[in-house]
């Protein structure tokens, strides 16, 4: 019951934020495939692009340098396999929410459209029901804020508030990450 009440609360605060045109460029795209918990491949303007979810970060799906770094930020009794498991949970969530050929709207920050790997950085909204996937990943505890200092101030405050709720409820990764 507590989860249901929390879910209702989350859905009331989520999806009410407006990503304005003065900060974000709006582009329609088609999902080709989910790469991992925070990256997808899309077709946009007849070209294929890798898109990284802006301002959020999920756990890795492999034991690599970043997974080991994340492991150092966990509570004492946690195994690195638990961290990797949450990377797979985030990826599975995206596969369910963004199946191939689904239509999305990308909100790309005009000031920083790409990351150091050349991926487009975007807030991703499902066209079908206006669900902003970045927000849901945070709310469910499948992601944490990332490079949030690069977000516009209102987005930064909004995402930090969503993350704070997930932390307070010990949802997802917040069961084992140090707060």
Protein backbone atom coordinates (compact mmCIF):
# COMPACT_ATOMS: atom_id res chain seq x y z
CA UNK A 1 0.00 0.00 0.00
CA UNK A 2 2.82 2.39 0.86
CA UNK A 3 4.33 1.87 -2.60
CA UNK A 4 0.97 2.62 -4.24
CA UNK A 5 0.55 5.85 -2.27
CA UNK A 6 4.12 6.88 -3.14
CA UNK A 7 3.46 6.09 -6.80
CA UNK A 8 0.35 8.30 -6.80
CA UNK A 9 2.33 11.10 -5.15
CA UNK A 10 5.15 10.77 -7.68
CA UNK A 11 2.83 10.86 -10.66
CA UNK A 12 1.23 14.01 -9.29
CA UNK A 13 4.54 15.89 -9.10
CA UNK A 14 6.08 14.39 -12.21
CA UNK A 15 5.17 15.28 -15.73
CA UNK A 16 4.16 18.80 -14.75
CA UNK A 17 7.53 20.38 -15.54
CA UNK A 18 7.86 22.30 -18.78
CA UNK A 19 11.05 22.05 -20.83
CA UNK A 20 11.06 25.49 -22.46
CA UNK A 21 12.05 26.26 -26.02
CA UNK A 22 14.41 29.05 -24.99
CA UNK A 23 16.72 26.47 -23.33
CA UNK A 24 15.88 23.22 -25.12
CA UNK A 25 15.67 22.33 -28.79
CA UNK A 26 12.73 19.96 -29.35
CA UNK A 27 13.17 17.07 -31.82
CA UNK A 28 10.98 14.10 -32.64
CA UNK A 29 12.78 10.73 -32.92
CA UNK A 30 12.10 7.00 -33.25
CA UNK A 31 13.71 4.54 -30.83
CA UNK A 32 15.83 1.91 -32.57
CA UNK A 33 17.23 0.16 -29.52
CA UNK A 34 18.09 0.49 -25.86
CA UNK A 35 21.87 0.42 -25.39
CA UNK A 36 21.93 0.47 -21.59
CA UNK A 37 20.08 2.09 -18.68
CA UNK A 38 20.77 5.65 -19.80
CA UNK A 39 21.53 5.44 -23.53
CA UNK A 40 19.38 4.68 -26.58
CA UNK A 41 19.84 4.65 -30.34
CA UNK A 42 17.32 6.70 -32.29
CA UNK A 43 16.49 7.77 -35.82
CA UNK A 44 16.11 11.51 -36.08
CA UNK A 45 15.92 13.46 -39.34
CA UNK A 46 16.69 10.23 -41.25
CA UNK A 47 19.99 9.69 -39.37
CA UNK A 48 20.93 7.29 -36.55
CA UNK A 49 22.18 8.83 -33.29
CA UNK A 50 23.18 7.62 -29.85
CA UNK A 51 21.30 9.60 -27.21
CA UNK A 52 22.37 9.79 -23.57
CA UNK A 53 19.71 10.70 -21.03
CA UNK A 54 20.60 14.18 -19.75
CA UNK A 55 21.16 14.87 -16.06
CA UNK A 56 20.73 11.25 -14.92
CA UNK A 57 23.06 8.27 -14.53
CA UNK A 58 22.24 4.60 -14.04
CA UNK A 59 24.45 1.83 -12.74
CA UNK A 60 26.70 -0.05 -15.17
CA UNK A 61 25.80 -3.44 -16.65
CA UNK A 62 29.45 -4.57 -16.67
CA UNK A 63 32.22 -4.77 -14.12
CA UNK A 64 34.26 -1.84 -15.39
CA UNK A 65 36.06 1.20 -13.97
CA UNK A 66 32.84 3.15 -13.42
CA UNK A 67 31.15 0.18 -11.69
CA UNK A 68 34.15 -0.09 -9.38
CA UNK A 69 33.93 3.65 -8.67
CA UNK A 70 30.21 3.30 -7.90
CA UNK A 71 31.03 0.35 -5.63
CA UNK A 72 33.27 2.59 -3.50
CA UNK A 73 30.23 4.80 -2.89
CA UNK A 74 28.11 2.01 -1.37
CA UNK A 75 27.27 0.87 2.11
CA UNK A 76 29.61 -1.75 3.62
CA UNK A 77 27.57 -4.92 3.06
CA UNK A 78 26.99 -4.46 -0.69
CA UNK A 79 28.43 -6.68 -3.40
CA UNK A 80 29.40 -5.19 -6.79
CA UNK A 81 26.94 -7.66 -8.38
CA UNK A 82 24.06 -5.71 -6.77
CA UNK A 83 25.26 -2.54 -8.48
CA UNK A 84 25.43 -4.28 -11.85
CA UNK A 85 21.99 -5.82 -11.25
CA UNK A 86 20.53 -2.31 -11.01
CA UNK A 87 22.17 -1.43 -14.32
CA UNK A 88 20.23 -4.33 -15.84
CA UNK A 89 17.03 -3.25 -14.08
CA UNK A 90 17.34 0.23 -15.58
CA UNK A 91 17.98 -1.25 -19.02
CA UNK A 92 14.97 -3.60 -18.69
CA UNK A 93 12.80 -0.67 -17.63
CA UNK A 94 13.84 1.29 -20.73
CA UNK A 95 13.20 -1.68 -23.00
CA UNK A 96 9.69 -1.92 -21.57
CA UNK A 97 8.98 1.82 -21.72
CA UNK A 98 10.75 2.55 -25.01
CA UNK A 99 10.35 -0.44 -27.30
CA UNK A 100 11.84 -0.26 -30.78
CA UNK A 101 9.96 2.07 -33.13
CA UNK A 102 8.28 4.02 -30.34
CA UNK A 103 8.13 7.75 -30.94
CA UNK A 104 9.79 10.11 -28.47
CA UNK A 105 10.42 13.80 -28.16
CA UNK A 106 13.98 14.79 -27.33
CA UNK A 107 14.64 18.00 -25.41
CA UNK A 108 18.24 18.88 -26.19
CA UNK A 109 19.95 21.60 -24.17
CA UNK A 110 21.06 24.25 -26.67
CA UNK A 111 24.11 25.11 -24.53
CA UNK A 112 25.43 21.54 -24.28
CA UNK A 113 23.89 19.29 -26.94
CA UNK A 114 26.53 16.51 -26.80
CA UNK A 115 28.74 14.74 -24.28
CA UNK A 116 32.47 14.01 -24.59
CA UNK A 117 31.66 10.77 -26.48
CA UNK A 118 29.64 12.62 -29.14
CA UNK A 119 26.28 11.33 -27.91
CA UNK A 120 23.33 13.70 -27.95
CA UNK A 121 22.30 14.66 -24.41
CA UNK A 122 18.53 14.83 -24.06
CA UNK A 123 15.56 14.75 -21.79
CA UNK A 124 13.37 12.06 -23.38
CA UNK A 125 9.59 12.21 -23.35
CA UNK A 126 7.32 9.50 -24.74
CA UNK A 127 5.08 11.05 -27.36
CA UNK A 128 2.27 8.60 -26.61
CA UNK A 129 1.60 9.69 -23.02
CA UNK A 130 4.06 12.55 -22.32
CA UNK A 131 5.98 10.51 -19.72
CA UNK A 132 9.44 12.01 -19.18
CA UNK A 133 11.66 8.96 -18.80
CA UNK A 134 14.54 10.84 -17.13
CA UNK A 135 12.19 11.84 -14.30
CA UNK A 136 10.79 8.34 -13.88
CA UNK A 137 14.28 6.79 -13.71
CA UNK A 138 15.08 9.17 -10.84
CA UNK A 139 11.75 8.66 -9.07
CA UNK A 140 12.04 4.86 -9.14
CA UNK A 141 15.60 4.95 -7.85
CA UNK A 142 16.97 3.46 -11.07
CA UNK A 143 19.15 6.55 -11.61
CA UNK A 144 20.76 9.41 -9.75
CA UNK A 145 21.38 12.96 -10.89
CA UNK A 146 24.45 13.41 -13.06
CA UNK A 147 26.16 16.57 -14.30
CA UNK A 148 23.20 18.34 -12.77
CA UNK A 149 25.25 21.56 -12.51
CA UNK A 150 24.95 21.83 -16.31
CA UNK A 151 21.15 21.85 -16.17
CA UNK A 152 19.13 25.06 -16.15
CA UNK A 153 18.47 26.07 -12.54
CA UNK A 154 14.76 25.13 -12.56
CA UNK A 155 15.53 21.69 -14.02
CA UNK A 156 18.33 21.21 -11.50
CA UNK A 157 16.04 21.97 -8.55
CA UNK A 158 13.28 19.77 -9.95
CA UNK A 159 15.56 16.76 -10.54
CA UNK A 160 17.22 17.11 -7.15
CA UNK A 161 13.79 17.11 -5.50
CA UNK A 162 12.77 13.93 -7.34
CA UNK A 163 16.08 12.32 -6.34
CA UNK A 164 15.61 13.39 -2.73
CA UNK A 165 12.22 11.64 -2.61
CA UNK A 166 13.75 8.42 -3.97
CA UNK A 167 16.58 8.64 -1.41
CA UNK A 168 14.19 9.25 1.48
CA UNK A 169 12.14 6.22 0.45
CA UNK A 170 15.26 4.07 -0.11
CA UNK A 171 14.06 3.23 -3.60
CA UNK A 172 16.24 1.28 -6.01
CA UNK A 173 19.91 2.22 -5.90
CA UNK A 174 19.35 4.23 -2.72
CA UNK A 175 19.06 0.96 -0.82
CA UNK A 176 22.84 0.61 -1.13
CA UNK A 177 24.34 3.94 -2.25
CA UNK A 178 25.61 6.28 0.41
CA UNK A 179 23.41 9.34 0.62
